[in-house]
Amino acid sequence: MIVISIIVILAMVVLPQYNKVVLQAREARLRSDLFEMRKLLDQYGADKGKMAQSLDELVSAGYLRDIPDDPMTDEPNWVVVMGEDPNSSDGGQGIADVCSASPDTSSEGTPYSDCASW
């Protein structure tokens, strides 16, 4: 009985730390994925002379192998922010930014869906 009690106490101490490390790893992956997609959006715009209209366009053009899963929702459901295309003569639009679709708040207190924070 004492051994089981000690194991339960140790599990209660370790579990919150484990959850914190998992969250930090997911947030790091979110930062990395957003950085890469933003870089590829800029590269696409520079190469094609126009902004991408969707993330699927990046895949079909070969800039992305596939759309990565949002680490906060575990689905490829990114929120794309459309903006004015500076290269378009007729005032066209394209993807200006990408954000997480998660409604949750990060460990730093900022929403995952806030593009400016990530």
PDB file of N, CA and C in Angstrom:
ATOM      1  N   MET A   1       0.810  -1.176   0.000  1.00  0.00           N
ATOM      2  CA  MET A   1       0.000   0.000   0.000  1.00  0.00           C
ATOM      3  C   MET A   1       0.872   1.266   0.000  1.00  0.00           C
ATOM      4  N   ILE A   2       1.954   1.234   0.730  1.00  0.00           N
ATOM      5  CA  ILE A   2       2.860   2.383   0.794  1.00  0.00           C
ATOM      6  C   ILE A   2       3.506   2.628  -0.561  1.00  0.00           C
ATOM      7  N   VAL A   3       3.897   1.564  -1.248  1.00  0.00           N
ATOM      8  CA  VAL A   3       4.527   1.701  -2.564  1.00  0.00           C
ATOM      9  C   VAL A   3       3.564   2.329  -3.557  1.00  0.00           C
ATOM     10  N   ILE A   4       2.317   1.904  -3.530  1.00  0.00           N
ATOM     11  CA  ILE A   4       1.316   2.469  -4.435  1.00  0.00           C
ATOM     12  C   ILE A   4       1.093   3.943  -4.108  1.00  0.00           C
ATOM     13  N   SER A   5       1.074   4.303  -2.855  1.00  0.00           N
ATOM     14  CA  SER A   5       0.904   5.703  -2.448  1.00  0.00           C
ATOM     15  C   SER A   5       2.064   6.554  -2.946  1.00  0.00           C
ATOM     16  N   ILE A   6       3.264   6.042  -2.839  1.00  0.00           N
ATOM     17  CA  ILE A   6       4.437   6.782  -3.318  1.00  0.00           C
ATOM     18  C   ILE A   6       4.372   6.957  -4.828  1.00  0.00           C
ATOM     19  N   ILE A   7       3.969   5.937  -5.558  1.00  0.00           N
ATOM     20  CA  ILE A   7       3.860   6.031  -7.019  1.00  0.00           C
ATOM     21  C   ILE A   7       2.814   7.071  -7.414  1.00  0.00           C
ATOM     22  N   VAL A   8       1.689   7.090  -6.714  1.00  0.00           N
ATOM     23  CA  VAL A   8       0.638   8.062  -7.004  1.00  0.00           C
ATOM     24  C   VAL A   8       1.136   9.479  -6.734  1.00  0.00           C
ATOM     25  N   ILE A   9       1.829   9.683  -5.638  1.00  0.00           N
ATOM     26  CA  ILE A   9       2.366  11.016  -5.309  1.00  0.00           C
ATOM     27  C   ILE A   9       3.372  11.457  -6.361  1.00  0.00           C
ATOM     28  N   LEU A  10       4.262  10.576  -6.778  1.00  0.00           N
ATOM     29  CA  LEU A  10       5.238  10.914  -7.813  1.00  0.00           C
ATOM     30  C   LEU A  10       4.550  11.234  -9.144  1.00  0.00           C
ATOM     31  N   ALA A  11       3.516  10.490  -9.485  1.00  0.00           N
ATOM     32  CA  ALA A  11       2.777  10.755 -10.720  1.00  0.00           C
ATOM     33  C   ALA A  11       2.103  12.120 -10.663  1.00  0.00           C
ATOM     34  N   MET A  12       1.585  12.485  -9.510  1.00  0.00           N
ATOM     35  CA  MET A  12       0.932  13.786  -9.362  1.00  0.00           C
ATOM     36  C   MET A  12       1.941  14.924  -9.497  1.00  0.00           C
ATOM     37  N   VAL A  13       3.171  14.698  -9.122  1.00  0.00           N
ATOM     38  CA  VAL A  13       4.207  15.722  -9.225  1.00  0.00           C
ATOM     39  C   VAL A  13       4.724  15.826 -10.659  1.00  0.00           C
ATOM     40  N   VAL A  14       4.875  14.695 -11.331  1.00  0.00           N
ATOM     41  CA  VAL A  14       5.484  14.661 -12.659  1.00  0.00           C
ATOM     42  C   VAL A  14       4.503  15.053 -13.762  1.00  0.00           C
ATOM     43  N   LEU A  15       3.245  14.708 -13.643  1.00  0.00           N
ATOM     44  CA  LEU A  15       2.271  14.932 -14.705  1.00  0.00           C
ATOM     45  C   LEU A  15       2.140  16.397 -15.119  1.00  0.00           C
ATOM     46  N   PRO A  16       2.044  17.359 -14.214  1.00  0.00           N
ATOM     47  CA  PRO A  16       1.967  18.765 -14.654  1.00  0.00           C
ATOM     48  C   PRO A  16       3.216  19.212 -15.416  1.00  0.00           C
ATOM     49  N   GLN A  17       4.385  18.746 -15.005  1.00  0.00           N
ATOM     50  CA  GLN A  17       5.612  19.096 -15.718  1.00  0.00           C
ATOM     51  C   GLN A  17       5.607  18.502 -17.125  1.00  0.00           C
ATOM     52  N   TYR A  18       5.141  17.275 -17.238  1.00  0.00           N
ATOM     53  CA  TYR A  18       5.060  16.624 -18.539  1.00  0.00           C
ATOM     54  C   TYR A  18       4.119  17.395 -19.464  1.00  0.00           C
ATOM     55  N   ASN A  19       2.955  17.791 -18.962  1.00  0.00           N
ATOM     56  CA  ASN A  19       1.996  18.554 -19.762  1.00  0.00           C
ATOM     57  C   ASN A  19       2.582  19.896 -20.198  1.00  0.00           C
ATOM     58  N   LYS A  20       3.352  20.519 -19.334  1.00  0.00           N
ATOM     59  CA  LYS A  20       3.980  21.797 -19.656  1.00  0.00           C
ATOM     60  C   LYS A  20       5.002  21.618 -20.779  1.00  0.00           C
ATOM     61  N   VAL A  21       5.787  20.569 -20.719  1.00  0.00           N
ATOM     62  CA  VAL A  21       6.788  20.306 -21.755  1.00  0.00           C
ATOM     63  C   VAL A  21       6.115  19.999 -23.086  1.00  0.00           C
ATOM     64  N   VAL A  22       5.035  19.242 -23.061  1.00  0.00           N
ATOM     65  CA  VAL A  22       4.297  18.935 -24.293  1.00  0.00           C
ATOM     66  C   VAL A  22       3.733  20.219 -24.904  1.00  0.00           C
ATOM     67  N   LEU A  23       3.166  21.096 -24.094  1.00  0.00           N
ATOM     68  CA  LEU A  23       2.631  22.364 -24.587  1.00  0.00           C
ATOM     69  C   LEU A  23       3.738  23.225 -25.191  1.00  0.00           C
ATOM     70  N   GLN A  24       4.882  23.292 -24.542  1.00  0.00           N
ATOM     71  CA  GLN A  24       5.995  24.074 -25.070  1.00  0.00           C
ATOM     72  C   GLN A  24       6.470  23.521 -26.410  1.00  0.00           C
ATOM     73  N   ALA A  25       6.475  22.212 -26.561  1.00  0.00           N
ATOM     74  CA  ALA A  25       6.880  21.603 -27.827  1.00  0.00           C
ATOM     75  C   ALA A  25       5.869  21.926 -28.928  1.00  0.00           C
ATOM     76  N   ARG A  26       4.589  21.894 -28.615  1.00  0.00           N
ATOM     77  CA  ARG A  26       3.562  22.231 -29.609  1.00  0.00           C
ATOM     78  C   ARG A  26       3.650  23.695 -30.009  1.00  0.00           C
ATOM     79  N   GLU A  27       3.927  24.571 -29.039  1.00  0.00           N
ATOM     80  CA  GLU A  27       4.071  25.992 -29.350  1.00  0.00           C
ATOM     81  C   GLU A  27       5.310  26.250 -30.207  1.00  0.00           C
ATOM     82  N   ALA A  28       6.384  25.537 -29.944  1.00  0.00           N
ATOM     83  CA  ALA A  28       7.589  25.677 -30.761  1.00  0.00           C
ATOM     84  C   ALA A  28       7.322  25.221 -32.194  1.00  0.00           C
ATOM     85  N   ARG A  29       6.571  24.125 -32.335  1.00  0.00           N
ATOM     86  CA  ARG A  29       6.227  23.643 -33.678  1.00  0.00           C
ATOM     87  C   ARG A  29       5.315  24.645 -34.380  1.00  0.00           C
ATOM     88  N   LEU A  30       4.406  25.270 -33.655  1.00  0.00           N
ATOM     89  CA  LEU A  30       3.540  26.296 -34.235  1.00  0.00           C
ATOM     90  C   LEU A  30       4.369  27.456 -34.771  1.00  0.00           C
ATOM     91  N   ARG A  31       5.313  27.928 -33.974  1.00  0.00           N
ATOM     92  CA  ARG A  31       6.184  29.028 -34.417  1.00  0.00           C
ATOM     93  C   ARG A  31       6.955  28.645 -35.684  1.00  0.00           C
ATOM     94  N   SER A  32       7.494  27.439 -35.678  1.00  0.00           N
ATOM     95  CA  SER A  32       8.273  26.967 -36.820  1.00  0.00           C
ATOM     96  C   SER A  32       7.405  26.835 -38.074  1.00  0.00           C
ATOM     97  N   ASP A  33       6.228  26.236 -37.937  1.00  0.00           N
ATOM     98  CA  ASP A  33       5.336  26.062 -39.091  1.00  0.00           C
ATOM     99  C   ASP A  33       4.885  27.405 -39.651  1.00  0.00           C
ATOM    100  N   LEU A  34       4.542  28.340 -38.766  1.00  0.00           N
ATOM    101  CA  LEU A  34       4.125  29.664 -39.230  1.00  0.00           C
ATOM    102  C   LEU A  34       5.266  30.387 -39.922  1.00  0.00           C
ATOM    103  N   PHE A  35       6.469  30.284 -39.382  1.00  0.00           N
ATOM    104  CA  PHE A  35       7.636  30.918 -40.004  1.00  0.00           C
ATOM    105  C   PHE A  35       7.855  30.365 -41.408  1.00  0.00           C
ATOM    106  N   GLU A  36       7.801  29.044 -41.546  1.00  0.00           N
ATOM    107  CA  GLU A  36       8.029  28.407 -42.848  1.00  0.00           C
ATOM    108  C   GLU A  36       6.944  28.783 -43.850  1.00  0.00           C
ATOM    109  N   MET A  37       5.677  28.737 -43.430  1.00  0.00           N
ATOM    110  CA  MET A  37       4.600  29.075 -44.365  1.00  0.00           C
ATOM    111  C   MET A  37       4.663  30.534 -44.785  1.00  0.00           C
ATOM    112  N   ARG A  38       4.987  31.417 -43.860  1.00  0.00           N
ATOM    113  CA  ARG A  38       5.108  32.842 -44.207  1.00  0.00           C
ATOM    114  C   ARG A  38       6.267  33.069 -45.166  1.00  0.00           C
ATOM    115  N   LYS A  39       7.363  32.360 -44.927  1.00  0.00           N
ATOM    116  CA  LYS A  39       8.512  32.472 -45.820  1.00  0.00           C
ATOM    117  C   LYS A  39       8.150  31.980 -47.224  1.00  0.00           C
ATOM    118  N   LEU A  40       7.436  30.857 -47.298  1.00  0.00           N
ATOM    119  CA  LEU A  40       7.042  30.310 -48.591  1.00  0.00           C
ATOM    120  C   LEU A  40       6.005  31.185 -49.289  1.00  0.00           C
ATOM    121  N   LEU A  41       5.129  31.821 -48.527  1.00  0.00           N
ATOM    122  CA  LEU A  41       4.189  32.768 -49.135  1.00  0.00           C
ATOM    123  C   LEU A  41       4.932  33.938 -49.766  1.00  0.00           C
ATOM    124  N   ASP A  42       5.943  34.454 -49.073  1.00  0.00           N
ATOM    125  CA  ASP A  42       6.758  35.542 -49.620  1.00  0.00           C
ATOM    126  C   ASP A  42       7.524  35.074 -50.860  1.00  0.00           C
ATOM    127  N   GLN A  43       8.075  33.884 -50.796  1.00  0.00           N
ATOM    128  CA  GLN A  43       8.833  33.337 -51.926  1.00  0.00           C
ATOM    129  C   GLN A  43       7.913  33.124 -53.131  1.00  0.00           C
ATOM    130  N   TYR A  44       6.721  32.612 -52.889  1.00  0.00           N
ATOM    131  CA  TYR A  44       5.746  32.413 -53.963  1.00  0.00           C
ATOM    132  C   TYR A  44       5.434  33.757 -54.628  1.00  0.00           C
ATOM    133  N   GLY A  45       5.175  34.775 -53.819  1.00  0.00           N
ATOM    134  CA  GLY A  45       4.868  36.100 -54.350  1.00  0.00           C
ATOM    135  C   GLY A  45       6.011  36.668 -55.167  1.00  0.00           C
ATOM    136  N   ALA A  46       7.237  36.463 -54.706  1.00  0.00           N
ATOM    137  CA  ALA A  46       8.394  36.968 -55.445  1.00  0.00           C
ATOM    138  C   ALA A  46       8.594  36.202 -56.750  1.00  0.00           C
ATOM    139  N   ASP A  47       8.392  34.897 -56.727  1.00  0.00           N
ATOM    140  CA  ASP A  47       8.587  34.074 -57.921  1.00  0.00           C
ATOM    141  C   ASP A  47       7.487  34.272 -58.960  1.00  0.00           C
ATOM    142  N   LYS A  48       6.246  34.310 -58.514  1.00  0.00           N
ATOM    143  CA  LYS A  48       5.106  34.349 -59.428  1.00  0.00           C
ATOM    144  C   LYS A  48       4.646  35.764 -59.771  1.00  0.00           C
ATOM    145  N   GLY A  49       5.087  36.740 -58.996  1.00  0.00           N
ATOM    146  CA  GLY A  49       4.653  38.108 -59.240  1.00  0.00           C
ATOM    147  C   GLY A  49       3.253  38.397 -58.738  1.00  0.00           C
ATOM    148  N   LYS A  50       2.691  37.494 -57.965  1.00  0.00           N
ATOM    149  CA  LYS A  50       1.370  37.695 -57.371  1.00  0.00           C
ATOM    150  C   LYS A  50       1.295  36.856 -56.102  1.00  0.00           C
ATOM    151  N   MET A  51       0.398  37.247 -55.217  1.00  0.00           N
ATOM    152  CA  MET A  51       0.243  36.523 -53.960  1.00  0.00           C
ATOM    153  C   MET A  51      -0.611  35.280 -54.177  1.00  0.00           C
ATOM    154  N   ALA A  52      -0.355  34.256 -53.388  1.00  0.00           N
ATOM    155  CA  ALA A  52      -1.143  33.026 -53.457  1.00  0.00           C
ATOM    156  C   ALA A  52      -2.569  33.305 -52.994  1.00  0.00           C
ATOM    157  N   GLN A  53      -3.516  32.598 -53.587  1.00  0.00           N
ATOM    158  CA  GLN A  53      -4.923  32.762 -53.229  1.00  0.00           C
ATOM    159  C   GLN A  53      -5.366  31.773 -52.156  1.00  0.00           C
ATOM    160  N   SER A  54      -4.605  30.685 -52.004  1.00  0.00           N
ATOM    161  CA  SER A  54      -4.928  29.681 -50.990  1.00  0.00           C
ATOM    162  C   SER A  54      -3.668  28.894 -50.662  1.00  0.00           C
ATOM    163  N   LEU A  55      -3.708  28.185 -49.548  1.00  0.00           N
ATOM    164  CA  LEU A  55      -2.565  27.335 -49.193  1.00  0.00           C
ATOM    165  C   LEU A  55      -2.461  26.159 -50.150  1.00  0.00           C
ATOM    166  N   ASP A  56      -3.589  25.721 -50.697  1.00  0.00           N
ATOM    167  CA  ASP A  56      -3.561  24.645 -51.692  1.00  0.00           C
ATOM    168  C   ASP A  56      -2.774  25.052 -52.929  1.00  0.00           C
ATOM    169  N   GLU A  57      -2.774  26.332 -53.237  1.00  0.00           N
ATOM    170  CA  GLU A  57      -2.005  26.837 -54.376  1.00  0.00           C
ATOM    171  C   GLU A  57      -0.502  26.655 -54.134  1.00  0.00           C
ATOM    172  N   LEU A  58      -0.065  26.804 -52.891  1.00  0.00           N
ATOM    173  CA  LEU A  58       1.342  26.560 -52.559  1.00  0.00           C
ATOM    174  C   LEU A  58       1.697  25.095 -52.753  1.00  0.00           C
ATOM    175  N   VAL A  59       0.761  24.217 -52.435  1.00  0.00           N
ATOM    176  CA  VAL A  59       0.992  22.777 -52.602  1.00  0.00           C
ATOM    177  C   VAL A  59       1.058  22.433 -54.082  1.00  0.00           C
ATOM    178  N   SER A  60       0.105  22.918 -54.863  1.00  0.00           N
ATOM    179  CA  SER A  60       0.071  22.575 -56.290  1.00  0.00           C
ATOM    180  C   SER A  60       1.258  23.165 -57.043  1.00  0.00           C
ATOM    181  N   ALA A  61       1.799  24.288 -56.555  1.00  0.00           N
ATOM    182  CA  ALA A  61       2.963  24.899 -57.200  1.00  0.00           C
ATOM    183  C   ALA A  61       4.281  24.280 -56.730  1.00  0.00           C
ATOM    184  N   GLY A  62       4.216  23.385 -55.745  1.00  0.00           N
ATOM    185  CA  GLY A  62       5.420  22.701 -55.285  1.00  0.00           C
ATOM    186  C   GLY A  62       6.182  23.411 -54.174  1.00  0.00           C
ATOM    187  N   TYR A  63       5.617  24.441 -53.601  1.00  0.00           N
ATOM    188  CA  TYR A  63       6.291  25.141 -52.507  1.00  0.00           C
ATOM    189  C   TYR A  63       6.133  24.391 -51.184  1.00  0.00           C
ATOM    190  N   LEU A  64       5.001  23.697 -51.034  1.00  0.00           N
ATOM    191  CA  LEU A  64       4.751  22.846 -49.874  1.00  0.00           C
ATOM    192  C   LEU A  64       4.441  21.444 -50.365  1.00  0.00           C
ATOM    193  N   ARG A  65       4.927  20.450 -49.652  1.00  0.00           N
ATOM    194  CA  ARG A  65       4.573  19.070 -49.999  1.00  0.00           C
ATOM    195  C   ARG A  65       3.105  18.817 -49.679  1.00  0.00           C
ATOM    196  N   ASP A  66       2.684  19.248 -48.513  1.00  0.00           N
ATOM    197  CA  ASP A  66       1.282  19.241 -48.128  1.00  0.00           C
ATOM    198  C   ASP A  66       1.094  20.276 -47.031  1.00  0.00           C
ATOM    199  N   ILE A  67      -0.134  20.635 -46.783  1.00  0.00           N
ATOM    200  CA  ILE A  67      -0.421  21.636 -45.755  1.00  0.00           C
ATOM    201  C   ILE A  67      -0.229  20.974 -44.397  1.00  0.00           C
ATOM    202  N   PRO A  68       0.650  21.525 -43.554  1.00  0.00           N
ATOM    203  CA  PRO A  68       0.894  20.889 -42.251  1.00  0.00           C
ATOM    204  C   PRO A  68      -0.310  21.032 -41.325  1.00  0.00           C
ATOM    205  N   ASP A  69      -0.421  20.120 -40.391  1.00  0.00           N
ATOM    206  CA  ASP A  69      -1.458  20.223 -39.369  1.00  0.00           C
ATOM    207  C   ASP A  69      -1.106  21.340 -38.402  1.00  0.00           C
ATOM    208  N   ASP A  70      -2.107  22.094 -38.015  1.00  0.00           N
ATOM    209  CA  ASP A  70      -1.944  23.091 -36.966  1.00  0.00           C
ATOM    210  C   ASP A  70      -1.685  22.317 -35.672  1.00  0.00           C
ATOM    211  N   PRO A  71      -0.542  22.498 -35.016  1.00  0.00           N
ATOM    212  CA  PRO A  71      -0.244  21.706 -33.826  1.00  0.00           C
ATOM    213  C   PRO A  71      -1.198  21.951 -32.656  1.00  0.00           C
ATOM    214  N   MET A  72      -1.939  23.026 -32.699  1.00  0.00           N
ATOM    215  CA  MET A  72      -2.871  23.313 -31.615  1.00  0.00           C
ATOM    216  C   MET A  72      -4.239  22.670 -31.842  1.00  0.00           C
ATOM    217  N   THR A  73      -4.596  22.387 -33.091  1.00  0.00           N
ATOM    218  CA  THR A  73      -5.891  21.765 -33.393  1.00  0.00           C
ATOM    219  C   THR A  73      -5.725  20.369 -33.976  1.00  0.00           C
ATOM    220  N   ASP A  74      -4.516  19.996 -34.338  1.00  0.00           N
ATOM    221  CA  ASP A  74      -4.194  18.707 -34.964  1.00  0.00           C
ATOM    222  C   ASP A  74      -4.941  18.493 -36.274  1.00  0.00           C
ATOM    223  N   GLU A  75      -5.247  19.567 -36.970  1.00  0.00           N
ATOM    224  CA  GLU A  75      -5.883  19.517 -38.281  1.00  0.00           C
ATOM    225  C   GLU A  75      -5.262  20.604 -39.155  1.00  0.00           C
ATOM    226  N   PRO A  76      -5.286  20.432 -40.482  1.00  0.00           N
ATOM    227  CA  PRO A  76      -4.721  21.472 -41.358  1.00  0.00           C
ATOM    228  C   PRO A  76      -5.725  22.602 -41.602  1.00  0.00           C
ATOM    229  N   ASN A  77      -6.221  23.191 -40.547  1.00  0.00           N
ATOM    230  CA  ASN A  77      -7.270  24.210 -40.647  1.00  0.00           C
ATOM    231  C   ASN A  77      -6.749  25.594 -40.274  1.00  0.00           C
ATOM    232  N   TRP A  78      -5.719  26.042 -40.934  1.00  0.00           N
ATOM    233  CA  TRP A  78      -5.126  27.348 -40.683  1.00  0.00           C
ATOM    234  C   TRP A  78      -6.094  28.457 -41.087  1.00  0.00           C
ATOM    235  N   VAL A  79      -5.989  29.582 -40.422  1.00  0.00           N
ATOM    236  CA  VAL A  79      -6.767  30.762 -40.790  1.00  0.00           C
ATOM    237  C   VAL A  79      -5.871  31.613 -41.681  1.00  0.00           C
ATOM    238  N   VAL A  80      -6.343  31.888 -42.899  1.00  0.00           N
ATOM    239  CA  VAL A  80      -5.566  32.733 -43.807  1.00  0.00           C
ATOM    240  C   VAL A  80      -6.129  34.150 -43.752  1.00  0.00           C
ATOM    241  N   VAL A  81      -5.235  35.105 -43.727  1.00  0.00           N
ATOM    242  CA  VAL A  81      -5.608  36.514 -43.701  1.00  0.00           C
ATOM    243  C   VAL A  81      -5.330  37.069 -45.091  1.00  0.00           C
ATOM    244  N   MET A  82      -6.382  37.503 -45.752  1.00  0.00           N
ATOM    245  CA  MET A  82      -6.245  38.054 -47.092  1.00  0.00           C
ATOM    246  C   MET A  82      -5.866  39.529 -46.993  1.00  0.00           C
ATOM    247  N   GLY A  83      -5.055  39.959 -47.950  1.00  0.00           N
ATOM    248  CA  GLY A  83      -4.636  41.350 -47.990  1.00  0.00           C
ATOM    249  C   GLY A  83      -4.432  41.793 -49.417  1.00  0.00           C
ATOM    250  N   GLU A  84      -4.249  43.067 -49.590  1.00  0.00           N
ATOM    251  CA  GLU A  84      -4.064  43.632 -50.918  1.00  0.00           C
ATOM    252  C   GLU A  84      -2.721  43.196 -51.488  1.00  0.00           C
ATOM    253  N   ASP A  85      -2.747  42.769 -52.746  1.00  0.00           N
ATOM    254  CA  ASP A  85      -1.540  42.320 -53.437  1.00  0.00           C
ATOM    255  C   ASP A  85      -0.806  43.534 -53.989  1.00  0.00           C
ATOM    256  N   PRO A  86       0.393  43.857 -53.475  1.00  0.00           N
ATOM    257  CA  PRO A  86       1.117  45.038 -53.954  1.00  0.00           C
ATOM    258  C   PRO A  86       1.600  44.892 -55.401  1.00  0.00           C
ATOM    259  N   ASN A  87       1.678  43.675 -55.899  1.00  0.00           N
ATOM    260  CA  ASN A  87       2.136  43.458 -57.268  1.00  0.00           C
ATOM    261  C   ASN A  87       1.004  43.495 -58.285  1.00  0.00           C
ATOM    262  N   SER A  88      -0.226  43.546 -57.819  1.00  0.00           N
ATOM    263  CA  SER A  88      -1.382  43.527 -58.708  1.00  0.00           C
ATOM    264  C   SER A  88      -1.719  44.933 -59.170  1.00  0.00           C
ATOM    265  N   SER A  89      -1.938  45.078 -60.472  1.00  0.00           N
ATOM    266  CA  SER A  89      -2.288  46.398 -61.011  1.00  0.00           C
ATOM    267  C   SER A  89      -3.780  46.687 -60.881  1.00  0.00           C
ATOM    268  N   ASP A  90      -4.596  45.646 -60.718  1.00  0.00           N
ATOM    269  CA  ASP A  90      -6.043  45.844 -60.631  1.00  0.00           C
ATOM    270  C   ASP A  90      -6.575  45.726 -59.198  1.00  0.00           C
ATOM    271  N   GLY A  91      -5.718  45.837 -58.211  1.00  0.00           N
ATOM    272  CA  GLY A  91      -6.142  45.809 -56.809  1.00  0.00           C
ATOM    273  C   GLY A  91      -6.528  44.426 -56.317  1.00  0.00           C
ATOM    274  N   GLY A  92      -5.902  43.391 -56.849  1.00  0.00           N
ATOM    275  CA  GLY A  92      -6.189  42.022 -56.431  1.00  0.00           C
ATOM    276  C   GLY A  92      -5.744  41.756 -55.004  1.00  0.00           C
ATOM    277  N   GLN A  93      -6.193  40.627 -54.494  1.00  0.00           N
ATOM    278  CA  GLN A  93      -5.847  40.244 -53.137  1.00  0.00           C
ATOM    279  C   GLN A  93      -5.196  38.870 -53.132  1.00  0.00           C
ATOM    280  N   GLY A  94      -4.567  38.562 -52.021  1.00  0.00           N
ATOM    281  CA  GLY A  94      -3.954  37.259 -51.825  1.00  0.00           C
ATOM    282  C   GLY A  94      -3.702  37.037 -50.342  1.00  0.00           C
ATOM    283  N   ILE A  95      -3.095  35.915 -50.030  1.00  0.00           N
ATOM    284  CA  ILE A  95      -2.815  35.593 -48.627  1.00  0.00           C
ATOM    285  C   ILE A  95      -1.704  36.499 -48.117  1.00  0.00           C
ATOM    286  N   ALA A  96      -2.017  37.277 -47.107  1.00  0.00           N
ATOM    287  CA  ALA A  96      -1.040  38.170 -46.496  1.00  0.00           C
ATOM    288  C   ALA A  96      -0.409  37.552 -45.253  1.00  0.00           C
ATOM    289  N   ASP A  97      -1.154  36.658 -44.586  1.00  0.00           N
ATOM    290  CA  ASP A  97      -0.631  36.049 -43.363  1.00  0.00           C
ATOM    291  C   ASP A  97      -1.396  34.761 -43.075  1.00  0.00           C
ATOM    292  N   VAL A  98      -0.830  33.953 -42.190  1.00  0.00           N
ATOM    293  CA  VAL A  98      -1.424  32.693 -41.770  1.00  0.00           C
ATOM    294  C   VAL A  98      -1.404  32.659 -40.244  1.00  0.00           C
ATOM    295  N   CYS A  99      -2.497  32.173 -39.652  1.00  0.00           N
ATOM    296  CA  CYS A  99      -2.599  32.087 -38.194  1.00  0.00           C
ATOM    297  C   CYS A  99      -3.173  30.735 -37.799  1.00  0.00           C
ATOM    298  N   SER A 100      -2.999  30.400 -36.540  1.00  0.00           N
ATOM    299  CA  SER A 100      -3.583  29.177 -35.999  1.00  0.00           C
ATOM    300  C   SER A 100      -5.095  29.343 -35.889  1.00  0.00           C
ATOM    301  N   ALA A 101      -5.810  28.253 -36.058  1.00  0.00           N
ATOM    302  CA  ALA A 101      -7.277  28.269 -35.933  1.00  0.00           C
ATOM    303  C   ALA A 101      -7.733  27.975 -34.505  1.00  0.00           C
ATOM    304  N   SER A 102      -6.794  27.773 -33.606  1.00  0.00           N
ATOM    305  CA  SER A 102      -7.144  27.421 -32.235  1.00  0.00           C
ATOM    306  C   SER A 102      -7.712  28.623 -31.478  1.00  0.00           C
ATOM    307  N   PRO A 103      -8.821  28.433 -30.764  1.00  0.00           N
ATOM    308  CA  PRO A 103      -9.378  29.519 -29.956  1.00  0.00           C
ATOM    309  C   PRO A 103      -8.696  29.643 -28.594  1.00  0.00           C
ATOM    310  N   ASP A 104      -7.741  28.764 -28.303  1.00  0.00           N
ATOM    311  CA  ASP A 104      -7.105  28.731 -26.983  1.00  0.00           C
ATOM    312  C   ASP A 104      -6.070  29.842 -26.823  1.00  0.00           C
ATOM    313  N   THR A 105      -5.586  29.971 -25.605  1.00  0.00           N
ATOM    314  CA  THR A 105      -4.577  30.959 -25.251  1.00  0.00           C
ATOM    315  C   THR A 105      -3.260  30.254 -24.958  1.00  0.00           C
ATOM    316  N   SER A 106      -2.167  30.869 -25.379  1.00  0.00           N
ATOM    317  CA  SER A 106      -0.849  30.271 -25.206  1.00  0.00           C
ATOM    318  C   SER A 106      -0.380  30.345 -23.763  1.00  0.00           C
ATOM    319  N   SER A 107       0.740  29.725 -23.497  1.00  0.00           N
ATOM    320  CA  SER A 107       1.323  29.769 -22.155  1.00  0.00           C
ATOM    321  C   SER A 107       1.820  31.168 -21.807  1.00  0.00           C
ATOM    322  N   GLU A 108       1.982  32.012 -22.827  1.00  0.00           N
ATOM    323  CA  GLU A 108       2.406  33.400 -22.610  1.00  0.00           C
ATOM    324  C   GLU A 108       1.223  34.346 -22.432  1.00  0.00           C
ATOM    325  N   GLY A 109      -0.004  33.809 -22.598  1.00  0.00           N
ATOM    326  CA  GLY A 109      -1.196  34.620 -22.402  1.00  0.00           C
ATOM    327  C   GLY A 109      -1.765  35.230 -23.665  1.00  0.00           C
ATOM    328  N   THR A 110      -1.163  34.976 -24.824  1.00  0.00           N
ATOM    329  CA  THR A 110      -1.671  35.513 -26.080  1.00  0.00           C
ATOM    330  C   THR A 110      -2.491  34.446 -26.803  1.00  0.00           C
ATOM    331  N   PRO A 111      -3.529  34.850 -27.519  1.00  0.00           N
ATOM    332  CA  PRO A 111      -4.309  33.857 -28.271  1.00  0.00           C
ATOM    333  C   PRO A 111      -3.482  33.259 -29.410  1.00  0.00           C
ATOM    334  N   TYR A 112      -3.652  31.978 -29.646  1.00  0.00           N
ATOM    335  CA  TYR A 112      -2.951  31.343 -30.765  1.00  0.00           C
ATOM    336  C   TYR A 112      -3.407  31.928 -32.095  1.00  0.00           C
ATOM    337  N   SER A 113      -4.642  32.392 -32.150  1.00  0.00           N
ATOM    338  CA  SER A 113      -5.203  32.915 -33.396  1.00  0.00           C
ATOM    339  C   SER A 113      -4.746  34.347 -33.701  1.00  0.00           C
ATOM    340  N   ASP A 114      -4.006  34.967 -32.808  1.00  0.00           N
ATOM    341  CA  ASP A 114      -3.509  36.338 -33.008  1.00  0.00           C
ATOM    342  C   ASP A 114      -2.251  36.289 -33.873  1.00  0.00           C
ATOM    343  N   CYS A 115      -2.383  36.702 -35.124  1.00  0.00           N
ATOM    344  CA  CYS A 115      -1.254  36.617 -36.067  1.00  0.00           C
ATOM    345  C   CYS A 115      -0.050  37.443 -35.625  1.00  0.00           C
ATOM    346  N   ALA A 116      -0.305  38.579 -35.032  1.00  0.00           N
ATOM    347  CA  ALA A 116       0.782  39.472 -34.646  1.00  0.00           C
ATOM    348  C   ALA A 116       1.656  38.874 -33.546  1.00  0.00           C
ATOM    349  N   SER A 117       1.078  38.023 -32.713  1.00  0.00           N
ATOM    350  CA  SER A 117       1.826  37.438 -31.600  1.00  0.00           C
ATOM    351  C   SER A 117       2.697  36.272 -32.029  1.00  0.00           C
ATOM    352  N   TRP A 118       2.352  35.652 -33.136  1.00  0.00           N
ATOM    353  CA  TRP A 118       3.050  34.445 -33.558  1.00  0.00           C
ATOM    354  C   TRP A 118       3.724  34.711 -34.868  1.00  0.00           C
TER     355      TRP A 118
END
